[in-house]
């Protein structure tokens, strides 16, 4: 099941939306992380860790073809 980090709140308070986040940057194949998980993303030429804050709650079941849309914050 693929997942896509669509929005990232940076430490500076700036909110990056899907307009700035290209599909090839933060689109992953595999099991989608749940709220509270930490993953690495790439944006503006740098890699950094984010915490998932919305989009996939523990226990939620998605169809295999569903792209899970996630929101995250830089940590």
PDB file of N, CA and C in Angstrom:
ATOM      1  N   UNK A   1       0.858  -1.171   0.000  1.00  0.00           N
ATOM      2  CA  UNK A   1       0.000   0.000   0.000  1.00  0.00           C
ATOM      3  C   UNK A   1       0.903   1.233   0.000  1.00  0.00           C
ATOM      4  N   UNK A   2       0.814   2.086  -0.996  1.00  0.00           N
ATOM      5  CA  UNK A   2       1.649   3.277  -1.043  1.00  0.00           C
ATOM      6  C   UNK A   2       1.154   4.361  -0.086  1.00  0.00           C
ATOM      7  N   UNK A   3       2.062   5.233   0.275  1.00  0.00           N
ATOM      8  CA  UNK A   3       1.676   6.394   1.073  1.00  0.00           C
ATOM      9  C   UNK A   3       2.437   7.613   0.582  1.00  0.00           C
ATOM     10  N   UNK A   4       1.849   8.768   0.827  1.00  0.00           N
ATOM     11  CA  UNK A   4       2.394  10.019   0.316  1.00  0.00           C
ATOM     12  C   UNK A   4       2.293  11.074   1.403  1.00  0.00           C
ATOM     13  N   UNK A   5       3.425  11.660   1.765  1.00  0.00           N
ATOM     14  CA  UNK A   5       3.444  12.757   2.730  1.00  0.00           C
ATOM     15  C   UNK A   5       3.086  14.023   1.958  1.00  0.00           C
ATOM     16  N   UNK A   6       1.875  14.529   2.186  1.00  0.00           N
ATOM     17  CA  UNK A   6       1.341  15.648   1.418  1.00  0.00           C
ATOM     18  C   UNK A   6       1.606  17.009   2.038  1.00  0.00           C
ATOM     19  N   UNK A   7       1.755  17.054   3.345  1.00  0.00           N
ATOM     20  CA  UNK A   7       1.995  18.336   4.018  1.00  0.00           C
ATOM     21  C   UNK A   7       3.009  18.132   5.125  1.00  0.00           C
ATOM     22  N   UNK A   8       3.923  19.103   5.222  1.00  0.00           N
ATOM     23  CA  UNK A   8       4.941  19.043   6.266  1.00  0.00           C
ATOM     24  C   UNK A   8       5.044  20.415   6.924  1.00  0.00           C
ATOM     25  N   UNK A   9       4.917  20.418   8.244  1.00  0.00           N
ATOM     26  CA  UNK A   9       5.124  21.645   8.999  1.00  0.00           C
ATOM     27  C   UNK A   9       6.592  21.656   9.435  1.00  0.00           C
ATOM     28  N   UNK A  10       7.339  22.657   8.984  1.00  0.00           N
ATOM     29  CA  UNK A  10       8.746  22.760   9.334  1.00  0.00           C
ATOM     30  C   UNK A  10       8.925  23.368  10.715  1.00  0.00           C
ATOM     31  N   UNK A  11      10.123  23.215  11.288  1.00  0.00           N
ATOM     32  CA  UNK A  11      10.412  23.792  12.602  1.00  0.00           C
ATOM     33  C   UNK A  11      10.205  25.304  12.614  1.00  0.00           C
ATOM     34  N   UNK A  12      10.436  25.933  11.474  1.00  0.00           N
ATOM     35  CA  UNK A  12      10.287  27.387  11.362  1.00  0.00           C
ATOM     36  C   UNK A  12       8.825  27.826  11.427  1.00  0.00           C
ATOM     37  N   UNK A  13       7.902  26.860  11.337  1.00  0.00           N
ATOM     38  CA  UNK A  13       6.479  27.173  11.324  1.00  0.00           C
ATOM     39  C   UNK A  13       5.885  27.196   9.924  1.00  0.00           C
ATOM     40  N   UNK A  14       6.747  27.178   8.914  1.00  0.00           N
ATOM     41  CA  UNK A  14       6.289  27.176   7.526  1.00  0.00           C
ATOM     42  C   UNK A  14       5.598  25.855   7.196  1.00  0.00           C
ATOM     43  N   UNK A  15       4.522  25.928   6.449  1.00  0.00           N
ATOM     44  CA  UNK A  15       3.776  24.742   6.045  1.00  0.00           C
ATOM     45  C   UNK A  15       4.020  24.487   4.569  1.00  0.00           C
ATOM     46  N   UNK A  16       4.592  23.329   4.259  1.00  0.00           N
ATOM     47  CA  UNK A  16       4.821  22.929   2.876  1.00  0.00           C
ATOM     48  C   UNK A  16       3.646  22.074   2.438  1.00  0.00           C
ATOM     49  N   UNK A  17       3.061  22.415   1.305  1.00  0.00           N
ATOM     50  CA  UNK A  17       1.910  21.680   0.798  1.00  0.00           C
ATOM     51  C   UNK A  17       2.300  20.870  -0.423  1.00  0.00           C
ATOM     52  N   UNK A  18       1.353  20.141  -0.962  1.00  0.00           N
ATOM     53  CA  UNK A  18       1.606  19.282  -2.111  1.00  0.00           C
ATOM     54  C   UNK A  18       2.111  20.051  -3.331  1.00  0.00           C
ATOM     55  N   UNK A  19       1.869  21.341  -3.405  1.00  0.00           N
ATOM     56  CA  UNK A  19       2.389  22.142  -4.523  1.00  0.00           C
ATOM     57  C   UNK A  19       3.909  22.155  -4.528  1.00  0.00           C
ATOM     58  N   UNK A  20       4.507  22.212  -3.346  1.00  0.00           N
ATOM     59  CA  UNK A  20       5.967  22.245  -3.237  1.00  0.00           C
ATOM     60  C   UNK A  20       6.578  20.852  -3.118  1.00  0.00           C
ATOM     61  N   UNK A  21       5.781  19.887  -2.708  1.00  0.00           N
ATOM     62  CA  UNK A  21       6.277  18.532  -2.518  1.00  0.00           C
ATOM     63  C   UNK A  21       5.932  17.702  -3.746  1.00  0.00           C
ATOM     64  N   UNK A  22       6.907  17.474  -4.598  1.00  0.00           N
ATOM     65  CA  UNK A  22       6.678  16.690  -5.798  1.00  0.00           C
ATOM     66  C   UNK A  22       6.366  15.244  -5.464  1.00  0.00           C
ATOM     67  N   UNK A  23       5.605  14.594  -6.318  1.00  0.00           N
ATOM     68  CA  UNK A  23       5.183  13.205  -6.096  1.00  0.00           C
ATOM     69  C   UNK A  23       6.377  12.265  -5.969  1.00  0.00           C
ATOM     70  N   UNK A  24       7.457  12.572  -6.641  1.00  0.00           N
ATOM     71  CA  UNK A  24       8.628  11.704  -6.573  1.00  0.00           C
ATOM     72  C   UNK A  24       9.435  11.885  -5.292  1.00  0.00           C
ATOM     73  N   UNK A  25       9.217  12.960  -4.554  1.00  0.00           N
ATOM     74  CA  UNK A  25       9.994  13.224  -3.343  1.00  0.00           C
ATOM     75  C   UNK A  25       9.527  12.420  -2.128  1.00  0.00           C
ATOM     76  N   UNK A  26       8.265  12.443  -1.841  1.00  0.00           N
ATOM     77  CA  UNK A  26       7.769  11.863  -0.600  1.00  0.00           C
ATOM     78  C   UNK A  26       6.637  10.876  -0.831  1.00  0.00           C
ATOM     79  N   UNK A  27       6.769  10.108  -1.891  1.00  0.00           N
ATOM     80  CA  UNK A  27       5.821   9.058  -2.249  1.00  0.00           C
ATOM     81  C   UNK A  27       6.549   7.734  -2.048  1.00  0.00           C
ATOM     82  N   UNK A  28       5.997   6.863  -1.207  1.00  0.00           N
ATOM     83  CA  UNK A  28       6.671   5.632  -0.823  1.00  0.00           C
ATOM     84  C   UNK A  28       5.781   4.422  -1.054  1.00  0.00           C
ATOM     85  N   UNK A  29       6.399   3.300  -1.353  1.00  0.00           N
ATOM     86  CA  UNK A  29       5.707   2.021  -1.402  1.00  0.00           C
ATOM     87  C   UNK A  29       5.949   1.318  -0.073  1.00  0.00           C
ATOM     88  N   UNK A  30       4.970   0.605   0.409  1.00  0.00           N
ATOM     89  CA  UNK A  30       5.129  -0.137   1.650  1.00  0.00           C
ATOM     90  C   UNK A  30       4.020   0.190   2.625  1.00  0.00           C
ATOM     91  N   UNK A  31       4.132  -0.346   3.812  1.00  0.00           N
ATOM     92  CA  UNK A  31       3.129  -0.132   4.846  1.00  0.00           C
ATOM     93  C   UNK A  31       3.180   1.310   5.339  1.00  0.00           C
ATOM     94  N   UNK A  32       2.048   1.962   5.321  1.00  0.00           N
ATOM     95  CA  UNK A  32       1.988   3.370   5.735  1.00  0.00           C
ATOM     96  C   UNK A  32       2.227   3.497   7.237  1.00  0.00           C
ATOM     97  N   UNK A  33       3.056   4.464   7.639  1.00  0.00           N
ATOM     98  CA  UNK A  33       3.253   4.701   9.063  1.00  0.00           C
ATOM     99  C   UNK A  33       1.974   5.251   9.689  1.00  0.00           C
ATOM    100  N   UNK A  34       1.856   5.089  10.987  1.00  0.00           N
ATOM    101  CA  UNK A  34       0.682   5.588  11.704  1.00  0.00           C
ATOM    102  C   UNK A  34       1.055   6.840  12.485  1.00  0.00           C
ATOM    103  N   UNK A  35       0.041   7.535  12.975  1.00  0.00           N
ATOM    104  CA  UNK A  35       0.251   8.753  13.755  1.00  0.00           C
ATOM    105  C   UNK A  35       1.219   8.461  14.901  1.00  0.00           C
ATOM    106  N   UNK A  36       2.237   9.319  15.008  1.00  0.00           N
ATOM    107  CA  UNK A  36       3.254   9.174  16.040  1.00  0.00           C
ATOM    108  C   UNK A  36       4.550   8.559  15.541  1.00  0.00           C
ATOM    109  N   UNK A  37       4.487   7.846  14.408  1.00  0.00           N
ATOM    110  CA  UNK A  37       5.702   7.249  13.835  1.00  0.00           C
ATOM    111  C   UNK A  37       6.620   8.331  13.289  1.00  0.00           C
ATOM    112  N   UNK A  38       7.912   8.038  13.272  1.00  0.00           N
ATOM    113  CA  UNK A  38       8.916   8.943  12.716  1.00  0.00           C
ATOM    114  C   UNK A  38       9.469   8.317  11.440  1.00  0.00           C
ATOM    115  N   UNK A  39       9.516   9.118  10.366  1.00  0.00           N
ATOM    116  CA  UNK A  39      10.068   8.670   9.092  1.00  0.00           C
ATOM    117  C   UNK A  39      10.996   9.760   8.556  1.00  0.00           C
ATOM    118  N   UNK A  40      11.786   9.415   7.552  1.00  0.00           N
ATOM    119  CA  UNK A  40      12.648  10.386   6.879  1.00  0.00           C
ATOM    120  C   UNK A  40      12.006  10.810   5.570  1.00  0.00           C
ATOM    121  N   UNK A  41      12.095  12.104   5.267  1.00  0.00           N
ATOM    122  CA  UNK A  41      11.568  12.648   4.020  1.00  0.00           C
ATOM    123  C   UNK A  41      12.649  13.505   3.367  1.00  0.00           C
ATOM    124  N   UNK A  42      12.394  13.892   2.124  1.00  0.00           N
ATOM    125  CA  UNK A  42      13.309  14.754   1.391  1.00  0.00           C
ATOM    126  C   UNK A  42      12.524  15.957   0.884  1.00  0.00           C
ATOM    127  N   UNK A  43      13.083  17.137   1.116  1.00  0.00           N
ATOM    128  CA  UNK A  43      12.416  18.355   0.680  1.00  0.00           C
ATOM    129  C   UNK A  43      13.445  19.464   0.549  1.00  0.00           C
ATOM    130  N   UNK A  44      13.334  20.221  -0.515  1.00  0.00           N
ATOM    131  CA  UNK A  44      14.239  21.346  -0.767  1.00  0.00           C
ATOM    132  C   UNK A  44      15.702  20.934  -0.707  1.00  0.00           C
ATOM    133  N   UNK A  45      15.991  19.752  -1.205  1.00  0.00           N
ATOM    134  CA  UNK A  45      17.354  19.280  -1.288  1.00  0.00           C
ATOM    135  C   UNK A  45      17.967  18.753  -0.016  1.00  0.00           C
ATOM    136  N   UNK A  46      17.167  18.553   1.008  1.00  0.00           N
ATOM    137  CA  UNK A  46      17.707  17.995   2.251  1.00  0.00           C
ATOM    138  C   UNK A  46      16.821  16.882   2.777  1.00  0.00           C
ATOM    139  N   UNK A  47      17.442  15.978   3.516  1.00  0.00           N
ATOM    140  CA  UNK A  47      16.735  14.872   4.167  1.00  0.00           C
ATOM    141  C   UNK A  47      16.585  15.207   5.646  1.00  0.00           C
ATOM    142  N   UNK A  48      15.409  14.928   6.210  1.00  0.00           N
ATOM    143  CA  UNK A  48      15.190  15.179   7.636  1.00  0.00           C
ATOM    144  C   UNK A  48      14.079  14.274   8.143  1.00  0.00           C
ATOM    145  N   UNK A  49      13.999  14.152   9.463  1.00  0.00           N
ATOM    146  CA  UNK A  49      12.986  13.308  10.091  1.00  0.00           C
ATOM    147  C   UNK A  49      11.734  14.116  10.390  1.00  0.00           C
ATOM    148  N   UNK A  50      10.594  13.451  10.237  1.00  0.00           N
ATOM    149  CA  UNK A  50       9.300  14.042  10.565  1.00  0.00           C
ATOM    150  C   UNK A  50       8.500  13.050  11.397  1.00  0.00           C
ATOM    151  N   UNK A  51       7.553  13.572  12.146  1.00  0.00           N
ATOM    152  CA  UNK A  51       6.611  12.749  12.913  1.00  0.00           C
ATOM    153  C   UNK A  51       5.257  12.845  12.223  1.00  0.00           C
ATOM    154  N   UNK A  52       4.619  11.721  12.001  1.00  0.00           N
ATOM    155  CA  UNK A  52       3.296  11.697  11.377  1.00  0.00           C
ATOM    156  C   UNK A  52       2.277  12.223  12.387  1.00  0.00           C
ATOM    157  N   UNK A  53       1.483  13.215  11.965  1.00  0.00           N
ATOM    158  CA  UNK A  53       0.504  13.818  12.865  1.00  0.00           C
ATOM    159  C   UNK A  53      -0.941  13.567  12.432  1.00  0.00           C
ATOM    160  N   UNK A  54      -1.138  13.128  11.190  1.00  0.00           N
ATOM    161  CA  UNK A  54      -2.497  12.892  10.724  1.00  0.00           C
ATOM    162  C   UNK A  54      -2.466  12.027   9.465  1.00  0.00           C
ATOM    163  N   UNK A  55      -3.535  11.267   9.266  1.00  0.00           N
ATOM    164  CA  UNK A  55      -3.694  10.535   8.024  1.00  0.00           C
ATOM    165  C   UNK A  55      -3.840   9.036   8.156  1.00  0.00           C
ATOM    166  N   UNK A  56      -3.211   8.434   9.148  1.00  0.00           N
ATOM    167  CA  UNK A  56      -3.313   6.985   9.296  1.00  0.00           C
ATOM    168  C   UNK A  56      -3.254   6.636  10.777  1.00  0.00           C
ATOM    169  N   UNK A  57      -4.398   6.361  11.337  1.00  0.00           N
ATOM    170  CA  UNK A  57      -4.479   6.050  12.767  1.00  0.00           C
ATOM    171  C   UNK A  57      -4.264   4.560  12.997  1.00  0.00           C
ATOM    172  N   UNK A  58      -3.714   4.187  14.148  1.00  0.00           N
ATOM    173  CA  UNK A  58      -3.512   2.755  14.439  1.00  0.00           C
ATOM    174  C   UNK A  58      -4.819   1.978  14.315  1.00  0.00           C
ATOM    175  N   UNK A  59      -4.745   0.811  13.720  1.00  0.00           N
ATOM    176  CA  UNK A  59      -5.915  -0.046  13.567  1.00  0.00           C
ATOM    177  C   UNK A  59      -6.725   0.210  12.314  1.00  0.00           C
ATOM    178  N   UNK A  60      -6.423   1.258  11.590  1.00  0.00           N
ATOM    179  CA  UNK A  60      -7.170   1.568  10.365  1.00  0.00           C
ATOM    180  C   UNK A  60      -6.741   0.610   9.261  1.00  0.00           C
ATOM    181  N   UNK A  61      -7.689   0.127   8.481  1.00  0.00           N
ATOM    182  CA  UNK A  61      -7.408  -0.800   7.388  1.00  0.00           C
ATOM    183  C   UNK A  61      -7.740  -0.109   6.068  1.00  0.00           C
ATOM    184  N   UNK A  62      -6.792  -0.156   5.135  1.00  0.00           N
ATOM    185  CA  UNK A  62      -6.976   0.456   3.815  1.00  0.00           C
ATOM    186  C   UNK A  62      -6.905  -0.628   2.749  1.00  0.00           C
ATOM    187  N   UNK A  63      -7.598  -0.417   1.655  1.00  0.00           N
ATOM    188  CA  UNK A  63      -7.474  -1.319   0.511  1.00  0.00           C
ATOM    189  C   UNK A  63      -6.051  -1.224  -0.030  1.00  0.00           C
ATOM    190  N   UNK A  64      -5.554  -2.301  -0.610  1.00  0.00           N
ATOM    191  CA  UNK A  64      -4.169  -2.364  -1.081  1.00  0.00           C
ATOM    192  C   UNK A  64      -3.846  -1.287  -2.109  1.00  0.00           C
ATOM    193  N   UNK A  65      -4.800  -0.885  -2.925  1.00  0.00           N
ATOM    194  CA  UNK A  65      -4.547   0.110  -3.964  1.00  0.00           C
ATOM    195  C   UNK A  65      -4.703   1.558  -3.482  1.00  0.00           C
ATOM    196  N   UNK A  66      -5.131   1.746  -2.243  1.00  0.00           N
ATOM    197  CA  UNK A  66      -5.324   3.087  -1.689  1.00  0.00           C
ATOM    198  C   UNK A  66      -3.982   3.749  -1.406  1.00  0.00           C
ATOM    199  N   UNK A  67      -3.848   5.010  -1.834  1.00  0.00           N
ATOM    200  CA  UNK A  67      -2.682   5.803  -1.476  1.00  0.00           C
ATOM    201  C   UNK A  67      -3.039   6.559  -0.204  1.00  0.00           C
ATOM    202  N   UNK A  68      -2.342   6.265   0.891  1.00  0.00           N
ATOM    203  CA  UNK A  68      -2.624   6.894   2.178  1.00  0.00           C
ATOM    204  C   UNK A  68      -1.945   8.264   2.197  1.00  0.00           C
ATOM    205  N   UNK A  69      -2.722   9.320   2.416  1.00  0.00           N
ATOM    206  CA  UNK A  69      -2.209  10.675   2.441  1.00  0.00           C
ATOM    207  C   UNK A  69      -1.885  11.057   3.883  1.00  0.00           C
ATOM    208  N   UNK A  70      -0.653  11.524   4.104  1.00  0.00           N
ATOM    209  CA  UNK A  70      -0.191  11.799   5.460  1.00  0.00           C
ATOM    210  C   UNK A  70       0.197  13.262   5.628  1.00  0.00           C
ATOM    211  N   UNK A  71       0.094  13.736   6.855  1.00  0.00           N
ATOM    212  CA  UNK A  71       0.587  15.054   7.243  1.00  0.00           C
ATOM    213  C   UNK A  71       1.618  14.832   8.340  1.00  0.00           C
ATOM    214  N   UNK A  72       2.657  15.659   8.327  1.00  0.00           N
ATOM    215  CA  UNK A  72       3.771  15.435   9.252  1.00  0.00           C
ATOM    216  C   UNK A  72       4.337  16.764   9.736  1.00  0.00           C
ATOM    217  N   UNK A  73       5.171  16.676  10.794  1.00  0.00           N
ATOM    218  CA  UNK A  73       5.872  17.845  11.288  1.00  0.00           C
ATOM    219  C   UNK A  73       7.330  17.508  11.480  1.00  0.00           C
ATOM    220  N   UNK A  74       8.193  18.451  11.140  1.00  0.00           N
ATOM    221  CA  UNK A  74       9.630  18.256  11.280  1.00  0.00           C
ATOM    222  C   UNK A  74       9.985  18.157  12.761  1.00  0.00           C
ATOM    223  N   UNK A  75      10.905  17.223  13.075  1.00  0.00           N
ATOM    224  CA  UNK A  75      11.351  17.098  14.466  1.00  0.00           C
ATOM    225  C   UNK A  75      12.846  17.331  14.564  1.00  0.00           C
TER     226      UNK A  75
END
